[in-house]
Amino acid sequence: MFILGRKFKTSIIGSAFLLSSLAFTACGASETTTKVADAVKTVAVSTTASATYANGKKVIDGGSTYPVKDGKTSLYHVNTQEQKGFKYGRTPTANEIKAWDIDVMPDGTGLPEGEGSVEDGDEIYEAKCTSCHGDFGSGGGGYPSLSKGNAEEGFATLKNQRTTPDSDGPVRVFGSYWPKASTLWWYIKTGMPHNAPLSLSNDDVYALCAYILSINEMEIDGQELDDEYVLNREKFMKIVMPNKDGFVPNIDGPKGPDNVREFLADTKNYGNGTRCMKDCTDKVNVVRIKVEMKDFLPPMSVKRDLPKVDASAAGAPQPGKKAYESTCAVCHATDAMGAPEVGNKAKWEKVMKQGIDVVYGHAINGFNGMPAKGGKASLSDDEVKQIVDYMVAQ
């Protein structure tokens, strides 16, 4: 996937691509990159993943390519042996491929039949989405906003850089920023809700898409999306996003890969054409924020301490509950992730047959698909044990 940016005064491209490019070129192209590209041409495509050319065209791999020398790319070893098949596994069947091929393309490929109303989407959103994405898609708790009012008005802010007095920053939410609505459909279908992906029916997804379009105050074919509006495949294909032409390069259609190659070939798209390894900010035009956002109502607090909780007081939350909710509930609230869900007595009785010390050890050090400390390394061993105690007590 190629990460793209706005097509305004300065073309902005994804940070992952930019950093990988600067590893060789810093602020632009150099003789080094030319030599690297020429060297990599000689590597057989079938024997290494770092080959640059296939079928006579440059492979698009994120901006940087590395030659294989003495069986290594830089410090990393590469398997240069000729591969003539695989010892394990088999060729997937057509149905197995079809089961995984569920993305939705901008031209409608992969978009299934189905329908759902704005009103139904509102109900589903309240039940499954509000806890993370907030009321009316306002965001919160580290989860992204889905709407900040009218999409067209938000689109008009994308040129804002906070460089002039009283200038706000750009509004980047689904309605104003995303160039294609197709991404919304397949992302909801395959990834949401986070603790139970693929649990929504096609009709549910259409309903949620209709609701999100409505809170962005968007129209389809000139029609506003009121509560009774029913979205289906035919209507979905008529959605026109305000920012549909706002990304470079254009990756859609059969010319998409060639557009990317052409974009990467001109180093002025992601640098100034001059090799730079120090004092680089003196050689490029760095636009800095001149108007800092300070007018928060109520004023933003800078305190980092939490209110003290008297654990002995009646009704005080059980130690470990808050950490469970922020770290572990995403997998243990339901059985969708394969983890024993909190509250399921039978499953936890089976877990506890191992002994509490073993359970503590699994939680602290990781076990099977669960990462150590639930993936939050900042938790102490005692805090993890408190989480386990809370889960067992339920």
Protein backbone atom coordinates (compact mmCIF):
# COMPACT_ATOMS: atom_id res chain seq x y z
CA MET A 1 0.00 0.00 0.00
CA PHE A 2 1.38 3.39 -0.92
CA ILE A 3 0.72 6.21 1.52
CA LEU A 4 -0.13 9.45 -0.16
CA GLY A 5 -0.59 13.13 0.57
CA ARG A 6 -2.36 16.31 -0.39
CA LYS A 7 -1.70 17.90 -3.78
CA PHE A 8 -1.22 21.51 -2.72
CA LYS A 9 1.75 23.89 -2.64
CA THR A 10 4.05 21.10 -1.51
CA SER A 11 3.28 17.50 -2.38
CA ILE A 12 3.17 15.50 0.82
CA ILE A 13 3.93 11.81 0.74
CA GLY A 14 3.80 9.17 3.44
CA SER A 15 6.37 9.37 6.24
CA ALA A 16 7.28 5.68 5.91
CA PHE A 17 8.15 6.18 2.26
CA LEU A 18 9.96 9.45 2.97
CA LEU A 19 12.16 7.99 5.70
CA SER A 20 13.10 4.98 3.61
CA SER A 21 14.01 7.29 0.74
CA LEU A 22 16.15 9.53 2.94
CA ALA A 23 18.15 6.53 4.05
CA PHE A 24 19.90 6.83 0.70
CA THR A 25 19.12 10.27 -0.60
CA ALA A 26 18.50 12.51 2.42
CA CYS A 27 17.04 15.54 0.67
CA GLY A 28 17.15 14.17 -2.85
CA ALA A 29 18.80 11.89 -5.37
CA SER A 30 22.51 11.29 -5.60
CA GLU A 31 25.10 9.32 -7.49
CA THR A 32 24.78 6.71 -4.75
CA THR A 33 21.20 5.86 -5.60
CA THR A 34 22.05 5.55 -9.28
CA LYS A 35 24.82 3.07 -8.49
CA VAL A 36 22.52 1.14 -6.15
CA ALA A 37 19.80 0.91 -8.77
CA ASP A 38 22.28 -0.26 -11.41
CA ALA A 39 23.71 -2.85 -9.04
CA VAL A 40 20.34 -4.25 -8.13
CA LYS A 41 19.43 -4.71 -11.79
CA THR A 42 21.79 -7.65 -11.88
CA VAL A 43 20.05 -9.56 -9.09
CA ALA A 44 17.74 -12.33 -10.29
CA VAL A 45 14.13 -11.57 -9.51
CA SER A 46 13.40 -15.19 -8.60
CA THR A 47 16.07 -15.41 -5.90
CA THR A 48 15.76 -12.26 -3.78
CA ALA A 49 13.04 -10.00 -2.49
CA SER A 50 15.17 -6.88 -3.02
CA ALA A 51 15.29 -7.13 -6.81
CA THR A 52 14.40 -3.81 -8.43
CA TYR A 53 13.18 -4.88 -11.86
CA ALA A 54 10.52 -7.34 -12.97
CA ASN A 55 9.10 -7.68 -16.45
CA GLY A 56 11.31 -4.81 -17.52
CA LYS A 57 9.79 -2.33 -15.06
CA LYS A 58 11.01 -1.05 -11.73
CA VAL A 59 9.39 -2.71 -8.74
CA ILE A 60 7.55 -0.32 -6.42
CA ASP A 61 8.71 -1.27 -2.95
CA GLY A 62 8.49 1.86 -0.85
CA GLY A 63 11.29 4.02 -2.22
CA SER A 64 14.52 2.23 -1.25
CA THR A 65 16.23 -0.76 -2.81
CA TYR A 66 19.32 -2.53 -1.55
CA PRO A 67 21.80 -4.61 -3.55
CA VAL A 68 22.63 -8.14 -2.47
CA LYS A 69 26.34 -8.52 -1.76
CA ASP A 70 27.92 -11.62 -0.24
CA GLY A 71 24.46 -12.95 0.48
CA LYS A 72 23.37 -9.92 2.47
CA THR A 73 21.58 -6.60 2.07
CA SER A 74 23.45 -4.31 4.45
CA LEU A 75 23.61 -6.38 7.67
CA TYR A 76 20.74 -8.68 6.78
CA HIS A 77 21.19 -12.12 5.27
CA VAL A 78 19.20 -13.04 2.17
CA ASN A 79 18.39 -16.51 0.88
CA THR A 80 19.97 -16.48 -2.58
CA GLN A 81 19.40 -20.19 -3.23
CA GLU A 82 17.28 -21.10 -6.21
CA GLN A 83 13.79 -22.09 -5.14
CA LYS A 84 12.14 -24.96 -7.03
CA GLY A 85 9.04 -25.44 -4.97
CA PHE A 86 8.02 -25.74 -1.36
CA LYS A 87 8.42 -28.57 1.08
CA TYR A 88 5.36 -27.64 3.11
CA GLY A 89 1.93 -26.38 2.17
CA ARG A 90 0.06 -26.51 -1.11
CA THR A 91 -1.40 -24.23 -3.75
CA PRO A 92 -4.58 -22.62 -2.40
CA THR A 93 -7.85 -23.51 -4.04
CA ALA A 94 -9.92 -20.96 -5.94
CA ASN A 95 -12.45 -20.85 -3.09
CA GLU A 96 -9.69 -20.27 -0.52
CA ILE A 97 -8.35 -17.37 -2.52
CA LYS A 98 -11.86 -15.99 -2.92
CA ALA A 99 -12.39 -16.14 0.86
CA TRP A 100 -9.40 -13.83 1.38
CA ASP A 101 -9.99 -11.61 -1.64
CA ILE A 102 -12.55 -9.39 0.08
CA ASP A 103 -11.21 -5.87 -0.45
CA VAL A 104 -13.34 -3.33 -2.28
CA MET A 105 -11.81 -1.34 -5.14
CA PRO A 106 -12.72 2.25 -6.10
CA ASP A 107 -14.34 1.02 -9.32
CA GLY A 108 -16.75 -1.15 -7.30
CA THR A 109 -14.95 -4.47 -7.74
CA GLY A 110 -15.64 -6.54 -4.65
CA LEU A 111 -18.57 -4.44 -3.43
CA PRO A 112 -21.39 -6.91 -2.63
CA GLU A 113 -25.13 -6.51 -2.85
CA GLY A 114 -26.96 -5.36 0.26
CA GLU A 115 -28.67 -2.37 1.80
CA GLY A 116 -29.01 -0.46 5.04
CA SER A 117 -30.64 2.75 6.24
CA VAL A 118 -29.16 5.72 8.10
CA GLU A 119 -31.50 4.97 11.01
CA ASP A 120 -30.33 1.36 11.24
CA GLY A 121 -26.73 2.54 11.01
CA ASP A 122 -27.31 4.93 13.90
CA GLU A 123 -28.51 2.06 16.09
CA ILE A 124 -25.58 -0.19 15.14
CA TYR A 125 -23.14 2.66 15.71
CA GLU A 126 -24.54 3.34 19.19
CA ALA A 127 -24.22 -0.33 20.09
CA LYS A 128 -20.83 -1.16 18.59
CA CYS A 129 -18.89 2.00 17.71
CA THR A 130 -19.63 4.84 20.14
CA SER A 131 -17.36 3.48 22.89
CA CYS A 132 -14.31 4.12 20.71
CA HIS A 133 -15.31 6.70 18.10
CA GLY A 134 -17.55 8.85 20.31
CA ASP A 135 -21.01 10.31 19.79
CA PHE A 136 -21.67 11.29 16.18
CA GLY A 137 -18.15 10.17 15.20
CA SER A 138 -16.48 12.86 17.32
CA GLY A 139 -13.60 10.58 18.34
CA GLY A 140 -11.86 10.26 21.69
CA GLY A 141 -9.67 8.03 23.81
CA GLY A 142 -7.05 7.82 21.11
CA TYR A 143 -9.49 6.66 18.44
CA PRO A 144 -9.96 8.76 15.29
CA SER A 145 -12.84 11.11 14.60
CA LEU A 146 -15.08 10.09 11.73
CA SER A 147 -16.83 13.41 11.31
CA LYS A 148 -16.43 17.06 12.21
CA GLY A 149 -19.45 18.50 10.52
CA ASN A 150 -19.95 19.27 6.84
CA ALA A 151 -17.51 17.40 4.59
CA GLU A 152 -17.27 20.19 2.00
CA GLU A 153 -16.46 22.77 4.67
CA GLY A 154 -13.83 20.44 6.12
CA PHE A 155 -12.35 19.94 2.66
CA ALA A 156 -11.88 23.71 2.34
CA THR A 157 -9.59 23.63 5.41
CA LEU A 158 -7.06 21.19 3.95
CA LYS A 159 -4.83 24.04 2.78
CA ASN A 160 -4.65 25.47 6.31
CA GLN A 161 -1.13 25.31 7.74
CA ARG A 162 -1.52 27.37 10.96
CA THR A 163 1.00 29.82 9.54
CA THR A 164 -1.15 32.94 9.63
CA PRO A 165 -2.93 34.56 12.58
CA ASP A 166 -6.23 32.93 13.57
CA SER A 167 -5.72 30.07 11.12
CA ASP A 168 -6.88 26.64 12.28
CA GLY A 169 -5.32 23.43 11.05
CA PRO A 170 -6.74 21.13 8.41
CA VAL A 171 -9.74 18.93 9.24
CA ARG A 172 -8.77 15.39 8.26
CA VAL A 173 -11.70 13.07 8.79
CA PHE A 174 -13.48 10.63 6.51
CA GLY A 175 -15.70 13.16 4.75
CA SER A 176 -13.14 15.88 4.12
CA TYR A 177 -9.94 13.91 3.58
CA TRP A 178 -10.53 10.40 2.27
CA PRO A 179 -10.50 10.32 -1.54
CA LYS A 180 -12.48 7.07 -1.97
CA ALA A 181 -15.55 5.80 -0.13
CA SER A 182 -14.73 2.19 -1.04
CA THR A 183 -12.09 2.10 1.70
CA LEU A 184 -14.75 2.86 4.30
CA TRP A 185 -16.84 -0.17 3.29
CA TRP A 186 -14.10 -2.80 3.34
CA TYR A 187 -12.40 -1.40 6.44
CA ILE A 188 -15.62 -1.64 8.43
CA LYS A 189 -16.41 -5.07 6.99
CA THR A 190 -13.01 -6.64 7.62
CA GLY A 191 -11.73 -4.78 10.67
CA MET A 192 -14.63 -3.47 12.75
CA PRO A 193 -15.58 -3.68 15.50
CA HIS A 194 -12.03 -4.17 16.66
CA ASN A 195 -12.81 -6.99 19.07
CA ALA A 196 -15.03 -8.86 16.57
CA PRO A 197 -13.92 -8.27 12.96
CA LEU A 198 -16.00 -9.84 10.16
CA SER A 199 -18.97 -10.10 12.54
CA LEU A 200 -21.08 -7.50 10.69
CA SER A 201 -23.38 -8.51 7.84
CA ASN A 202 -23.21 -6.73 4.49
CA ASP A 203 -26.47 -4.96 5.34
CA ASP A 204 -24.96 -3.80 8.65
CA VAL A 205 -21.97 -2.36 6.81
CA TYR A 206 -24.15 -0.51 4.32
CA ALA A 207 -26.15 0.92 7.24
CA LEU A 208 -23.01 2.07 9.04
CA CYS A 209 -21.64 3.64 5.85
CA ALA A 210 -24.95 5.45 5.36
CA TYR A 211 -24.82 6.78 8.92
CA ILE A 212 -21.21 7.97 8.61
CA LEU A 213 -22.01 9.69 5.31
CA SER A 214 -24.98 11.38 6.96
CA ILE A 215 -23.04 12.77 9.94
CA ASN A 216 -20.54 14.16 7.42
CA GLU A 217 -23.54 15.93 5.83
CA MET A 218 -22.75 14.42 2.44
CA GLU A 219 -25.10 13.94 -0.49
CA ILE A 220 -25.39 11.10 -2.99
CA ASP A 221 -26.51 12.06 -6.47
CA GLY A 222 -27.78 15.36 -5.07
CA GLN A 223 -29.88 13.76 -2.33
CA GLU A 224 -29.34 14.37 1.39
CA LEU A 225 -29.10 11.33 3.63
CA ASP A 226 -31.95 11.62 6.14
CA ASP A 227 -32.87 8.87 8.62
CA GLU A 228 -35.00 7.00 6.07
CA TYR A 229 -32.31 7.02 3.36
CA VAL A 230 -31.38 3.48 2.31
CA LEU A 231 -27.89 2.92 0.92
CA ASN A 232 -27.24 0.03 -1.48
CA ARG A 233 -24.55 -0.99 -3.96
CA GLU A 234 -25.97 1.07 -6.83
CA LYS A 235 -26.16 4.24 -4.72
CA PHE A 236 -22.76 3.60 -3.15
CA MET A 237 -21.18 3.67 -6.61
CA LYS A 238 -22.47 7.24 -7.03
CA ILE A 239 -20.64 8.62 -3.97
CA VAL A 240 -18.26 11.45 -4.89
CA MET A 241 -15.78 12.43 -2.19
CA PRO A 242 -14.74 16.12 -2.03
CA ASN A 243 -11.05 15.19 -1.98
CA LYS A 244 -11.17 12.63 -4.81
CA ASP A 245 -8.42 14.42 -6.77
CA GLY A 246 -6.34 15.54 -3.81
CA PHE A 247 -3.67 12.85 -3.69
CA VAL A 248 -0.53 12.32 -5.74
CA PRO A 249 0.37 10.18 -7.51
CA ASN A 250 -2.87 8.70 -8.81
CA ILE A 251 -2.68 5.00 -7.95
CA ASP A 252 -6.08 4.00 -9.35
CA GLY A 253 -6.57 2.00 -12.52
CA PRO A 254 -4.14 0.14 -14.77
CA LYS A 255 -1.77 3.14 -15.00
CA GLY A 256 -1.48 3.41 -11.21
CA PRO A 257 1.89 1.60 -10.86
CA ASP A 258 3.39 3.60 -13.74
CA ASN A 259 2.19 6.82 -12.12
CA VAL A 260 4.02 5.83 -8.95
CA ARG A 261 7.20 4.99 -10.85
CA GLU A 262 7.10 8.36 -12.58
CA PHE A 263 6.53 10.10 -9.25
CA LEU A 264 9.46 8.31 -7.57
CA ALA A 265 11.74 9.05 -10.52
CA ASP A 266 11.54 12.80 -9.83
CA THR A 267 13.34 13.35 -6.53
CA LYS A 268 11.97 16.86 -6.24
CA ASN A 269 8.69 15.25 -5.24
CA TYR A 270 10.26 14.17 -1.95
CA GLY A 271 13.45 16.28 -1.70
CA ASN A 272 15.27 19.15 -3.34
CA GLY A 273 17.57 17.11 -5.59
CA THR A 274 20.69 17.72 -3.48
CA ARG A 275 22.36 15.11 -1.30
CA CYS A 276 22.33 16.24 2.32
CA MET A 277 23.64 14.57 5.47
CA LYS A 278 23.91 17.55 7.88
CA ASP A 279 22.39 21.00 8.30
CA CYS A 280 19.64 19.79 5.98
CA THR A 281 17.02 22.18 7.31
CA ASP A 282 19.10 25.09 5.98
CA LYS A 283 18.79 23.73 2.45
CA VAL A 284 15.08 23.09 2.26
CA ASN A 285 12.00 25.21 2.83
CA VAL A 286 10.69 24.15 6.23
CA VAL A 287 7.28 25.61 7.04
CA ARG A 288 6.77 25.90 10.77
CA ILE A 289 3.60 26.46 12.78
CA LYS A 290 3.34 30.11 13.66
CA VAL A 291 -0.03 30.09 15.37
CA GLU A 292 -0.19 27.55 18.17
CA MET A 293 -3.62 26.33 19.24
CA LYS A 294 -4.20 27.54 22.81
CA ASP A 295 -7.83 28.63 22.94
CA PHE A 296 -9.23 25.41 24.41
CA LEU A 297 -12.53 25.65 26.30
CA PRO A 298 -12.24 24.50 28.99
CA PRO A 299 -8.47 25.15 29.17
CA MET A 300 -6.34 22.08 28.52
CA SER A 301 -4.97 20.58 31.72
CA VAL A 302 -1.25 19.81 31.90
CA LYS A 303 -1.55 17.67 35.04
CA ARG A 304 -0.52 14.06 34.66
CA ASP A 305 -1.56 12.65 38.05
CA LEU A 306 -4.81 10.74 38.50
CA PRO A 307 -7.27 11.20 41.36
CA LYS A 308 -6.40 9.13 44.40
CA VAL A 309 -8.69 6.16 44.96
CA ASP A 310 -9.31 4.78 48.44
CA ALA A 311 -9.26 1.05 47.81
CA SER A 312 -10.87 0.41 51.22
CA ALA A 313 -13.89 2.60 50.55
CA ALA A 314 -17.23 0.95 49.82
CA GLY A 315 -17.87 0.73 46.12
CA ALA A 316 -14.23 1.45 45.21
CA PRO A 317 -13.24 -0.10 41.87
CA GLN A 318 -11.40 -3.37 42.13
CA PRO A 319 -7.64 -3.08 41.54
CA GLY A 320 -6.85 -4.12 38.00
CA LYS A 321 -10.25 -3.20 36.54
CA LYS A 322 -9.15 0.03 34.86
CA ALA A 323 -5.99 -1.53 33.40
CA TYR A 324 -8.08 -4.48 32.18
CA GLU A 325 -10.50 -2.16 30.38
CA SER A 326 -7.73 -0.18 28.66
CA THR A 327 -5.39 -3.07 27.82
CA CYS A 328 -7.06 -6.47 27.93
CA ALA A 329 -10.77 -6.02 27.24
CA VAL A 330 -10.21 -5.76 23.48
CA CYS A 331 -9.48 -9.52 23.44
CA HIS A 332 -11.06 -10.83 26.64
CA ALA A 333 -14.42 -9.03 26.50
CA THR A 334 -15.69 -11.56 23.95
CA ASP A 335 -14.54 -14.93 22.62
CA ALA A 336 -14.04 -13.56 19.10
CA MET A 337 -10.26 -13.39 19.52
CA GLY A 338 -9.98 -16.91 20.94
CA ALA A 339 -9.12 -15.66 24.43
CA PRO A 340 -11.17 -16.79 27.46
CA GLU A 341 -13.78 -14.07 27.86
CA VAL A 342 -14.26 -12.47 31.22
CA GLY A 343 -17.37 -13.81 32.92
CA ASN A 344 -17.29 -17.25 31.29
CA LYS A 345 -17.07 -19.43 34.39
CA ALA A 346 -16.45 -22.70 32.55
CA LYS A 347 -13.51 -21.38 30.53
CA TRP A 348 -11.88 -19.72 33.54
CA GLU A 349 -12.26 -22.84 35.66
CA LYS A 350 -10.29 -24.67 32.98
CA VAL A 351 -7.68 -21.92 32.96
CA MET A 352 -7.36 -21.91 36.75
CA LYS A 353 -6.69 -25.67 36.86
CA GLN A 354 -3.13 -24.74 35.84
CA GLY A 355 -2.68 -22.85 39.11
CA ILE A 356 -2.65 -19.11 39.68
CA ASP A 357 1.15 -18.86 39.42
CA VAL A 358 1.08 -20.39 35.93
CA VAL A 359 -1.69 -18.00 34.89
CA TYR A 360 0.30 -15.07 36.27
CA GLY A 361 3.32 -16.27 34.30
CA HIS A 362 1.38 -16.53 31.06
CA ALA A 363 0.01 -13.01 31.50
CA ILE A 364 3.41 -11.52 32.35
CA ASN A 365 5.55 -13.38 29.81
CA GLY A 366 3.04 -14.03 27.03
CA PHE A 367 1.41 -17.27 25.99
CA ASN A 368 0.39 -18.58 22.56
CA GLY A 369 -1.17 -15.62 20.71
CA MET A 370 -1.19 -13.28 23.71
CA PRO A 371 1.76 -10.86 23.93
CA ALA A 372 3.60 -10.32 27.18
CA LYS A 373 1.61 -8.05 29.50
CA GLY A 374 -1.08 -7.75 26.85
CA GLY A 375 1.34 -5.76 24.69
CA LYS A 376 1.73 -2.96 27.26
CA ALA A 377 5.31 -3.24 28.50
CA SER A 378 4.91 -0.30 30.90
CA LEU A 379 2.77 -2.44 33.23
CA SER A 380 4.60 -3.84 36.23
CA ASP A 381 4.35 -7.52 37.14
CA ASP A 382 2.20 -6.62 40.14
CA GLU A 383 -0.19 -4.60 37.95
CA VAL A 384 -0.55 -7.54 35.57
CA LYS A 385 -1.35 -9.80 38.52
CA GLN A 386 -4.03 -7.34 39.63
CA ILE A 387 -5.57 -7.54 36.15
CA VAL A 388 -5.58 -11.35 36.35
CA ASP A 389 -7.16 -11.23 39.79
CA TYR A 390 -9.89 -8.94 38.50
CA MET A 391 -10.59 -11.18 35.49
CA VAL A 392 -10.73 -14.32 37.65
CA ALA A 393 -13.05 -12.62 40.15
CA GLN A 394 -15.61 -11.95 37.44
